[in-house]
Amino acid sequence: GNSVLVIPGGEAEQIRTLLGEEALYLRDRKGFIRLALKFGVPVVPSYCFGVVDTYRVSRVLYGPRQALVKALGVCIPIAFGLWGSTGCPLPAKHTVVFGEPLSWTCKVQGEPTREEIDRAHAEYMVAVESLFDKHKAAMGAGDR
């Protein structure tokens, strides 16, 4: 079979990223869980350590950019990497850790209910947080 990588934090995570500050924006991101339930595919919890150390995200015009995200779901990131460039990331080690696949079923195949989505999403959130907590000290993120 094939695998698909989904970054559910999307534009909300992109615009709010702060150098050296680990944060995920998943609380209201349930579409990937809905699709997994609808098509009966597992979701593998994962976390990429070091990605927040790749660019310095600017707060310039944050309000108008955030309004654009809310209105249209479009993000205009203003970020700077090595030598202040936008195209060359800061040197940062990246390590991706993976949890065990999570699978769920729907009462009616292909038609997940709000309750089924919420329950699966809550399980996913716990799995990602546990994964982060398990590996953060070894990845140098113990203080984050």
C-alpha atoms as a PDB file:
ATOM      1  CA  GLY A   1       0.000   0.000   0.000  1.00  0.00           C
ATOM      2  CA  ASN A   2       0.868   3.649  -0.077  1.00  0.00           C
ATOM      3  CA  SER A   3       1.394   6.108   2.728  1.00  0.00           C
ATOM      4  CA  VAL A   4       0.366   9.749   2.924  1.00  0.00           C
ATOM      5  CA  LEU A   5       2.001  12.357   5.137  1.00  0.00           C
ATOM      6  CA  VAL A   6      -0.380  14.947   6.541  1.00  0.00           C
ATOM      7  CA  ILE A   7       0.709  17.951   8.572  1.00  0.00           C
ATOM      8  CA  PRO A   8      -2.504  18.780  10.406  1.00  0.00           C
ATOM      9  CA  GLY A   9      -1.199  21.942  12.124  1.00  0.00           C
ATOM     10  CA  GLY A  10      -1.204  23.671   8.734  1.00  0.00           C
ATOM     11  CA  GLU A  11      -1.255  27.426   8.448  1.00  0.00           C
ATOM     12  CA  ALA A  12      -2.217  27.933  12.112  1.00  0.00           C
ATOM     13  CA  GLU A  13       0.971  26.198  13.213  1.00  0.00           C
ATOM     14  CA  GLN A  14       3.081  27.849  10.525  1.00  0.00           C
ATOM     15  CA  ILE A  15       2.254  31.431  11.475  1.00  0.00           C
ATOM     16  CA  ARG A  16       2.575  30.857  15.250  1.00  0.00           C
ATOM     17  CA  THR A  17       5.869  28.939  15.326  1.00  0.00           C
ATOM     18  CA  LEU A  18       8.456  30.447  17.655  1.00  0.00           C
ATOM     19  CA  LEU A  19      12.139  29.556  17.566  1.00  0.00           C
ATOM     20  CA  GLY A  20      12.902  27.062  20.327  1.00  0.00           C
ATOM     21  CA  GLU A  21       9.294  26.718  21.489  1.00  0.00           C
ATOM     22  CA  GLU A  22       7.628  23.361  20.862  1.00  0.00           C
ATOM     23  CA  ALA A  23       3.905  23.698  20.201  1.00  0.00           C
ATOM     24  CA  LEU A  24       1.313  21.874  18.132  1.00  0.00           C
ATOM     25  CA  TYR A  25      -1.982  23.281  16.936  1.00  0.00           C
ATOM     26  CA  LEU A  26      -4.188  20.218  16.783  1.00  0.00           C
ATOM     27  CA  ARG A  27      -7.090  20.877  19.134  1.00  0.00           C
ATOM     28  CA  ASP A  28      -9.373  22.066  16.333  1.00  0.00           C
ATOM     29  CA  ARG A  29      -7.754  20.004  13.552  1.00  0.00           C
ATOM     30  CA  LYS A  30      -9.980  16.978  13.091  1.00  0.00           C
ATOM     31  CA  GLY A  31     -10.298  16.655   9.314  1.00  0.00           C
ATOM     32  CA  PHE A  32      -7.456  14.145   9.025  1.00  0.00           C
ATOM     33  CA  ILE A  33      -9.122  12.000  11.683  1.00  0.00           C
ATOM     34  CA  ARG A  34     -12.467  12.241   9.888  1.00  0.00           C
ATOM     35  CA  LEU A  35     -10.812  11.073   6.648  1.00  0.00           C
ATOM     36  CA  ALA A  36      -9.031   8.198   8.418  1.00  0.00           C
ATOM     37  CA  LEU A  37     -12.342   7.046   9.873  1.00  0.00           C
ATOM     38  CA  LYS A  38     -14.190   7.500   6.588  1.00  0.00           C
ATOM     39  CA  PHE A  39     -11.696   5.435   4.589  1.00  0.00           C
ATOM     40  CA  GLY A  40     -10.724   2.998   7.347  1.00  0.00           C
ATOM     41  CA  VAL A  41      -7.003   3.779   7.342  1.00  0.00           C
ATOM     42  CA  PRO A  42      -4.730   3.917  10.389  1.00  0.00           C
ATOM     43  CA  VAL A  43      -3.049   7.096  11.617  1.00  0.00           C
ATOM     44  CA  VAL A  44       0.526   6.918  12.861  1.00  0.00           C
ATOM     45  CA  PRO A  45       1.273   9.509  15.566  1.00  0.00           C
ATOM     46  CA  SER A  46       4.581  11.243  14.881  1.00  0.00           C
ATOM     47  CA  TYR A  47       6.571  14.244  16.013  1.00  0.00           C
ATOM     48  CA  CYS A  48       9.505  16.026  14.378  1.00  0.00           C
ATOM     49  CA  PHE A  49      11.939  17.405  16.937  1.00  0.00           C
ATOM     50  CA  GLY A  50      13.997  20.391  15.791  1.00  0.00           C
ATOM     51  CA  VAL A  51      11.619  21.786  13.205  1.00  0.00           C
ATOM     52  CA  VAL A  52      10.899  24.847  15.386  1.00  0.00           C
ATOM     53  CA  ASP A  53      14.615  25.645  15.290  1.00  0.00           C
ATOM     54  CA  THR A  54      14.732  25.922  11.490  1.00  0.00           C
ATOM     55  CA  TYR A  55      13.485  29.505  11.003  1.00  0.00           C
ATOM     56  CA  ARG A  56      12.852  32.657  13.004  1.00  0.00           C
ATOM     57  CA  VAL A  57       9.208  33.462  12.319  1.00  0.00           C
ATOM     58  CA  SER A  58       8.516  37.194  12.333  1.00  0.00           C
ATOM     59  CA  ARG A  59       5.629  38.826  14.159  1.00  0.00           C
ATOM     60  CA  VAL A  60       5.578  41.707  11.646  1.00  0.00           C
ATOM     61  CA  LEU A  61       1.994  42.356  10.535  1.00  0.00           C
ATOM     62  CA  TYR A  62       0.895  39.398  12.629  1.00  0.00           C
ATOM     63  CA  GLY A  63      -2.664  40.714  13.099  1.00  0.00           C
ATOM     64  CA  PRO A  64      -3.461  41.147   9.393  1.00  0.00           C
ATOM     65  CA  ARG A  65      -1.756  37.843   8.527  1.00  0.00           C
ATOM     66  CA  GLN A  66      -3.736  36.042  11.242  1.00  0.00           C
ATOM     67  CA  ALA A  67      -6.955  37.593   9.916  1.00  0.00           C
ATOM     68  CA  LEU A  68      -6.085  36.206   6.476  1.00  0.00           C
ATOM     69  CA  VAL A  69      -5.577  32.759   7.995  1.00  0.00           C
ATOM     70  CA  LYS A  70      -8.958  32.916   9.734  1.00  0.00           C
ATOM     71  CA  ALA A  71     -10.824  34.323   6.722  1.00  0.00           C
ATOM     72  CA  LEU A  72      -9.275  32.305   3.900  1.00  0.00           C
ATOM     73  CA  GLY A  73      -7.121  29.599   5.476  1.00  0.00           C
ATOM     74  CA  VAL A  74      -4.073  31.088   3.761  1.00  0.00           C
ATOM     75  CA  CYS A  75      -0.835  31.875   5.552  1.00  0.00           C
ATOM     76  CA  ILE A  76       1.789  34.380   4.489  1.00  0.00           C
ATOM     77  CA  PRO A  77       4.781  33.305   6.558  1.00  0.00           C
ATOM     78  CA  ILE A  78       7.540  35.796   7.188  1.00  0.00           C
ATOM     79  CA  ALA A  79      10.490  33.756   8.350  1.00  0.00           C
ATOM     80  CA  PHE A  80      14.242  34.105   8.276  1.00  0.00           C
ATOM     81  CA  GLY A  81      16.912  31.442   8.295  1.00  0.00           C
ATOM     82  CA  LEU A  82      20.666  31.441   7.886  1.00  0.00           C
ATOM     83  CA  TRP A  83      22.136  34.886   7.136  1.00  0.00           C
ATOM     84  CA  GLY A  84      18.647  36.361   7.398  1.00  0.00           C
ATOM     85  CA  SER A  85      17.550  34.634   4.192  1.00  0.00           C
ATOM     86  CA  THR A  86      14.120  33.185   3.589  1.00  0.00           C
ATOM     87  CA  GLY A  87      15.364  30.253   1.542  1.00  0.00           C
ATOM     88  CA  CYS A  88      18.177  28.880   3.672  1.00  0.00           C
ATOM     89  CA  PRO A  89      17.123  27.304   6.987  1.00  0.00           C
ATOM     90  CA  LEU A  90      19.091  27.590  10.186  1.00  0.00           C
ATOM     91  CA  PRO A  91      21.255  24.546  10.863  1.00  0.00           C
ATOM     92  CA  ALA A  92      19.124  22.393  13.128  1.00  0.00           C
ATOM     93  CA  LYS A  93      19.052  18.674  13.767  1.00  0.00           C
ATOM     94  CA  HIS A  94      15.717  17.090  12.914  1.00  0.00           C
ATOM     95  CA  THR A  95      14.591  13.778  14.341  1.00  0.00           C
ATOM     96  CA  VAL A  96      11.206  12.236  13.626  1.00  0.00           C
ATOM     97  CA  VAL A  97       9.761   9.808  16.144  1.00  0.00           C
ATOM     98  CA  PHE A  98       6.815   7.529  15.463  1.00  0.00           C
ATOM     99  CA  GLY A  99       4.233   5.903  17.678  1.00  0.00           C
ATOM    100  CA  GLU A 100       2.141   2.834  17.090  1.00  0.00           C
ATOM    101  CA  PRO A 101      -0.552   3.063  14.391  1.00  0.00           C
ATOM    102  CA  LEU A 102      -4.016   3.953  15.649  1.00  0.00           C
ATOM    103  CA  SER A 103      -7.049   2.429  13.964  1.00  0.00           C
ATOM    104  CA  TRP A 104     -10.713   3.056  14.515  1.00  0.00           C
ATOM    105  CA  THR A 105     -13.974   1.854  13.055  1.00  0.00           C
ATOM    106  CA  CYS A 106     -17.252   3.617  12.476  1.00  0.00           C
ATOM    107  CA  LYS A 107     -20.608   2.246  13.481  1.00  0.00           C
ATOM    108  CA  VAL A 108     -21.691   2.944   9.902  1.00  0.00           C
ATOM    109  CA  GLN A 109     -18.761   2.227   7.587  1.00  0.00           C
ATOM    110  CA  GLY A 110     -17.547   5.344   5.780  1.00  0.00           C
ATOM    111  CA  GLU A 111     -19.798   7.694   7.761  1.00  0.00           C
ATOM    112  CA  PRO A 112     -18.082   8.797  10.969  1.00  0.00           C
ATOM    113  CA  THR A 113     -20.216  10.606  13.517  1.00  0.00           C
ATOM    114  CA  ARG A 114     -19.090  13.704  15.419  1.00  0.00           C
ATOM    115  CA  GLU A 115     -18.718  11.552  18.547  1.00  0.00           C
ATOM    116  CA  GLU A 116     -16.552   8.985  16.732  1.00  0.00           C
ATOM    117  CA  ILE A 117     -14.359  11.748  15.308  1.00  0.00           C
ATOM    118  CA  ASP A 118     -14.025  13.444  18.710  1.00  0.00           C
ATOM    119  CA  ARG A 119     -13.157  10.171  20.457  1.00  0.00           C
ATOM    120  CA  ALA A 120     -10.523   9.205  17.853  1.00  0.00           C
ATOM    121  CA  HIS A 121      -9.070  12.725  17.858  1.00  0.00           C
ATOM    122  CA  ALA A 122      -8.760  12.689  21.648  1.00  0.00           C
ATOM    123  CA  GLU A 123      -6.934   9.346  21.462  1.00  0.00           C
ATOM    124  CA  TYR A 124      -4.588  10.750  18.801  1.00  0.00           C
ATOM    125  CA  MET A 125      -3.862  13.856  20.906  1.00  0.00           C
ATOM    126  CA  VAL A 126      -2.927  11.691  23.915  1.00  0.00           C
ATOM    127  CA  ALA A 127      -0.698   9.517  21.708  1.00  0.00           C
ATOM    128  CA  VAL A 128       1.203  12.507  20.261  1.00  0.00           C
ATOM    129  CA  GLU A 129       1.668  14.123  23.669  1.00  0.00           C
ATOM    130  CA  SER A 130       2.899  10.820  25.125  1.00  0.00           C
ATOM    131  CA  LEU A 131       5.274  10.398  22.194  1.00  0.00           C
ATOM    132  CA  PHE A 132       6.705  13.885  22.753  1.00  0.00           C
ATOM    133  CA  ASP A 133       7.066  13.357  26.504  1.00  0.00           C
ATOM    134  CA  LYS A 134       8.747   9.977  25.996  1.00  0.00           C
ATOM    135  CA  HIS A 135      11.457  11.375  23.687  1.00  0.00           C
ATOM    136  CA  LYS A 136      11.879  15.045  24.637  1.00  0.00           C
ATOM    137  CA  ALA A 137      14.804  14.605  27.048  1.00  0.00           C
ATOM    138  CA  ALA A 138      16.803  12.486  24.585  1.00  0.00           C
ATOM    139  CA  MET A 139      16.092  15.002  21.811  1.00  0.00           C
ATOM    140  CA  GLY A 140      17.287  18.002  23.822  1.00  0.00           C
ATOM    141  CA  ALA A 141      13.799  19.359  24.313  1.00  0.00           C
ATOM    142  CA  GLY A 142      13.458  18.465  27.983  1.00  0.00           C
ATOM    143  CA  ASP A 143      12.955  22.100  28.939  1.00  0.00           C
ATOM    144  CA  ARG A 144      10.317  22.744  26.277  1.00  0.00           C
END
